[in-house]
N, C-alpha and C. Protein backbone atom coordinates (compact mmCIF):
# COMPACT_ATOMS: atom_id res chain seq x y z
N VAL A 1 1.92 31.06 -4.86
CA VAL A 1 2.76 30.95 -6.04
C VAL A 1 2.15 29.96 -7.00
N MET A 2 1.72 28.81 -6.50
CA MET A 2 1.18 27.77 -7.41
C MET A 2 -0.07 28.24 -8.12
N LEU A 3 -0.90 29.05 -7.48
CA LEU A 3 -2.12 29.51 -8.11
C LEU A 3 -1.83 30.25 -9.40
N PHE A 4 -0.77 31.05 -9.41
CA PHE A 4 -0.42 31.81 -10.59
C PHE A 4 0.28 30.94 -11.66
N VAL A 5 0.85 29.85 -11.21
CA VAL A 5 1.56 28.97 -12.14
C VAL A 5 0.58 28.03 -12.83
N ASN A 6 -0.31 27.40 -12.04
CA ASN A 6 -1.28 26.45 -12.61
C ASN A 6 -2.45 26.32 -11.69
N ALA A 7 -3.57 26.89 -12.05
CA ALA A 7 -4.77 26.87 -11.19
C ALA A 7 -5.32 25.45 -10.99
N LYS A 8 -5.25 24.62 -12.00
CA LYS A 8 -5.75 23.24 -11.90
C LYS A 8 -4.98 22.46 -10.82
N LEU A 9 -3.66 22.55 -10.89
CA LEU A 9 -2.81 21.88 -9.92
C LEU A 9 -3.10 22.40 -8.51
N THR A 10 -3.23 23.70 -8.38
CA THR A 10 -3.53 24.31 -7.10
C THR A 10 -4.85 23.81 -6.53
N LEU A 11 -5.88 23.80 -7.37
CA LEU A 11 -7.18 23.35 -6.90
C LEU A 11 -7.16 21.91 -6.42
N ILE A 12 -6.50 21.03 -7.14
CA ILE A 12 -6.42 19.62 -6.77
C ILE A 12 -5.65 19.48 -5.45
N CYS A 13 -4.56 20.19 -5.28
CA CYS A 13 -3.79 20.12 -4.04
C CYS A 13 -4.55 20.69 -2.87
N VAL A 14 -5.31 21.76 -3.08
CA VAL A 14 -6.15 22.30 -2.02
C VAL A 14 -7.22 21.32 -1.62
N ILE A 15 -7.84 20.69 -2.56
CA ILE A 15 -8.87 19.67 -2.27
C ILE A 15 -8.25 18.53 -1.43
N ILE A 16 -7.09 18.06 -1.82
CA ILE A 16 -6.39 17.02 -1.06
C ILE A 16 -6.13 17.51 0.37
N GLY A 17 -5.63 18.73 0.50
CA GLY A 17 -5.34 19.28 1.81
C GLY A 17 -6.60 19.40 2.67
N VAL A 18 -7.68 19.89 2.09
CA VAL A 18 -8.94 20.04 2.85
C VAL A 18 -9.47 18.68 3.29
N ILE A 19 -9.41 17.70 2.44
CA ILE A 19 -9.85 16.33 2.82
C ILE A 19 -9.03 15.82 4.01
N ILE A 20 -7.74 16.03 3.98
CA ILE A 20 -6.88 15.60 5.08
C ILE A 20 -7.19 16.37 6.35
N ILE A 21 -7.44 17.68 6.22
CA ILE A 21 -7.79 18.48 7.38
C ILE A 21 -9.10 18.00 8.00
N VAL A 22 -10.09 17.71 7.17
CA VAL A 22 -11.38 17.23 7.68
C VAL A 22 -11.22 15.88 8.37
N ILE A 23 -10.45 15.01 7.78
CA ILE A 23 -10.30 13.66 8.37
C ILE A 23 -9.46 13.70 9.67
N THR A 24 -8.37 14.45 9.68
CA THR A 24 -7.46 14.43 10.81
C THR A 24 -7.68 15.57 11.80
N ARG A 25 -8.41 16.59 11.38
CA ARG A 25 -8.63 17.81 12.16
C ARG A 25 -7.31 18.53 12.48
N THR A 26 -6.31 18.36 11.62
CA THR A 26 -4.99 18.96 11.81
C THR A 26 -4.67 19.77 10.57
N VAL A 27 -4.64 21.08 10.71
CA VAL A 27 -4.43 21.96 9.60
C VAL A 27 -3.02 21.79 9.03
N SER A 28 -2.03 21.69 9.90
CA SER A 28 -0.65 21.61 9.42
C SER A 28 -0.44 20.34 8.57
N LEU A 29 -1.04 19.24 8.97
CA LEU A 29 -0.90 17.99 8.20
C LEU A 29 -1.54 18.13 6.82
N GLY A 30 -2.71 18.79 6.76
CA GLY A 30 -3.36 19.04 5.49
C GLY A 30 -2.52 19.91 4.59
N SER A 31 -1.90 20.93 5.14
CA SER A 31 -1.06 21.82 4.38
C SER A 31 0.19 21.11 3.87
N ILE A 32 0.81 20.35 4.73
CA ILE A 32 2.04 19.62 4.34
C ILE A 32 1.72 18.60 3.27
N LEU A 33 0.72 17.79 3.46
CA LEU A 33 0.41 16.72 2.50
C LEU A 33 -0.19 17.27 1.22
N GLY A 34 -0.97 18.34 1.31
CA GLY A 34 -1.52 18.97 0.10
C GLY A 34 -0.40 19.40 -0.82
N MET A 35 0.64 20.02 -0.26
CA MET A 35 1.77 20.45 -1.06
C MET A 35 2.68 19.27 -1.46
N ALA A 36 2.83 18.30 -0.56
CA ALA A 36 3.68 17.15 -0.86
C ALA A 36 3.18 16.35 -2.05
N PHE A 37 1.87 16.38 -2.27
CA PHE A 37 1.28 15.67 -3.39
C PHE A 37 1.38 16.43 -4.70
N ALA A 38 1.83 17.68 -4.68
CA ALA A 38 1.88 18.51 -5.88
C ALA A 38 2.68 17.84 -7.03
N PRO A 39 3.88 17.32 -6.78
CA PRO A 39 4.60 16.71 -7.90
C PRO A 39 3.85 15.50 -8.50
N PHE A 40 3.21 14.71 -7.64
CA PHE A 40 2.46 13.55 -8.12
C PHE A 40 1.22 13.98 -8.90
N VAL A 41 0.55 15.01 -8.41
CA VAL A 41 -0.62 15.54 -9.09
C VAL A 41 -0.19 16.07 -10.44
N ALA A 42 0.94 16.73 -10.51
CA ALA A 42 1.45 17.27 -11.77
C ALA A 42 1.70 16.12 -12.76
N ILE A 43 2.30 15.03 -12.31
CA ILE A 43 2.57 13.89 -13.19
C ILE A 43 1.27 13.34 -13.77
N ILE A 44 0.24 13.27 -12.95
CA ILE A 44 -1.00 12.65 -13.38
C ILE A 44 -1.88 13.58 -14.22
N PHE A 45 -1.97 14.85 -13.84
CA PHE A 45 -2.96 15.74 -14.46
C PHE A 45 -2.46 16.81 -15.41
N ILE A 46 -1.17 17.16 -15.37
CA ILE A 46 -0.67 18.27 -16.18
C ILE A 46 -0.09 17.74 -17.47
N ARG A 47 -0.67 18.18 -18.56
CA ARG A 47 -0.19 17.81 -19.92
C ARG A 47 -0.05 19.06 -20.76
N PRO A 48 0.99 19.27 -21.48
CA PRO A 48 2.23 18.51 -21.37
C PRO A 48 2.99 18.91 -20.09
N LEU A 49 3.63 17.95 -19.47
CA LEU A 49 4.40 18.20 -18.28
C LEU A 49 5.86 18.33 -18.65
N THR A 50 6.40 19.52 -18.46
CA THR A 50 7.81 19.73 -18.78
C THR A 50 8.64 19.39 -17.56
N LEU A 51 9.90 19.07 -17.78
CA LEU A 51 10.81 18.77 -16.68
C LEU A 51 10.93 19.98 -15.76
N ASN A 52 11.01 21.18 -16.32
CA ASN A 52 11.13 22.40 -15.50
C ASN A 52 9.93 22.56 -14.58
N PHE A 53 8.73 22.32 -15.10
CA PHE A 53 7.53 22.47 -14.25
C PHE A 53 7.51 21.43 -13.16
N PHE A 54 7.86 20.18 -13.51
CA PHE A 54 7.93 19.13 -12.50
C PHE A 54 8.94 19.46 -11.40
N LEU A 55 10.13 19.91 -11.80
CA LEU A 55 11.15 20.29 -10.82
C LEU A 55 10.70 21.46 -9.96
N PHE A 56 9.93 22.39 -10.55
CA PHE A 56 9.40 23.50 -9.78
C PHE A 56 8.42 23.03 -8.75
N THR A 57 7.52 22.12 -9.11
CA THR A 57 6.55 21.59 -8.12
C THR A 57 7.30 20.80 -7.03
N LEU A 58 8.34 20.11 -7.41
CA LEU A 58 9.13 19.36 -6.46
C LEU A 58 9.82 20.32 -5.47
N PHE A 59 10.32 21.42 -6.01
CA PHE A 59 10.93 22.47 -5.17
C PHE A 59 9.95 23.08 -4.21
N LEU A 60 8.74 23.42 -4.70
CA LEU A 60 7.72 23.99 -3.83
C LEU A 60 7.30 23.01 -2.74
N ALA A 61 7.15 21.75 -3.09
CA ALA A 61 6.80 20.74 -2.10
C ALA A 61 7.90 20.61 -1.05
N SER A 62 9.14 20.60 -1.48
CA SER A 62 10.26 20.51 -0.54
C SER A 62 10.33 21.71 0.39
N MET A 63 10.11 22.89 -0.16
CA MET A 63 10.11 24.11 0.68
C MET A 63 8.96 24.09 1.68
N SER A 64 7.82 23.60 1.26
CA SER A 64 6.68 23.52 2.19
C SER A 64 6.97 22.57 3.33
N ILE A 65 7.54 21.43 3.03
CA ILE A 65 7.88 20.47 4.08
C ILE A 65 8.98 21.06 4.99
N PHE A 66 9.94 21.71 4.41
CA PHE A 66 11.00 22.34 5.22
C PHE A 66 10.44 23.40 6.15
N ARG A 67 9.52 24.22 5.62
CA ARG A 67 8.95 25.32 6.41
C ARG A 67 8.07 24.80 7.55
N HIS A 68 7.60 23.56 7.44
CA HIS A 68 6.72 22.98 8.46
C HIS A 68 7.49 22.01 9.38
N LYS A 69 8.81 22.12 9.42
CA LYS A 69 9.58 21.15 10.19
C LYS A 69 9.19 21.11 11.67
N ASP A 70 8.86 22.25 12.26
CA ASP A 70 8.44 22.25 13.66
C ASP A 70 7.08 21.57 13.82
N ASN A 71 6.21 21.77 12.88
CA ASN A 71 4.91 21.10 12.90
C ASN A 71 5.08 19.58 12.78
N ILE A 72 6.02 19.18 11.91
CA ILE A 72 6.27 17.74 11.72
C ILE A 72 6.79 17.12 13.01
N LYS A 73 7.68 17.84 13.71
CA LYS A 73 8.19 17.33 15.00
C LYS A 73 7.04 17.15 15.97
N ARG A 74 6.13 18.15 16.04
CA ARG A 74 4.98 18.04 16.95
C ARG A 74 4.04 16.92 16.52
N LEU A 75 3.85 16.73 15.22
CA LEU A 75 3.02 15.64 14.75
C LEU A 75 3.60 14.28 15.16
N ILE A 76 4.90 14.14 15.06
CA ILE A 76 5.56 12.88 15.44
C ILE A 76 5.40 12.64 16.94
N LYS A 77 5.50 13.72 17.74
CA LYS A 77 5.37 13.58 19.19
C LYS A 77 3.89 13.45 19.59
N GLY A 78 2.98 13.76 18.67
CA GLY A 78 1.55 13.66 18.99
C GLY A 78 1.00 14.84 19.75
N ILE A 79 1.68 16.00 19.66
CA ILE A 79 1.28 17.17 20.40
C ILE A 79 0.87 18.35 19.49
N GLU A 80 0.70 18.08 18.22
CA GLU A 80 0.30 19.12 17.29
C GLU A 80 -1.18 19.53 17.57
N ASN A 81 -1.44 20.82 17.51
CA ASN A 81 -2.78 21.32 17.80
C ASN A 81 -3.77 20.84 16.74
N LYS A 82 -4.97 20.55 17.21
CA LYS A 82 -6.08 20.21 16.32
C LYS A 82 -7.13 21.28 16.48
N PHE A 83 -8.01 21.40 15.49
CA PHE A 83 -9.07 22.40 15.63
C PHE A 83 -10.33 21.77 16.11
């Protein structure tokens, strides 16, 4: 969804996610944090930033975190799969 909304934002979030995956070797953590940073990336890099666009990125980040709730539980327990 984000790719069609704003390619620049998507690219930056993907780069963040890949860096986290490389460092932690945990794909779910990279995915979660890559999306979680979307609202902050929007604040820094998207001009002009409308309230609607910011709220949309906040919604997408929230949905991503919600969809990964089982992964988050495994990360907290230290049993999440690594590659």
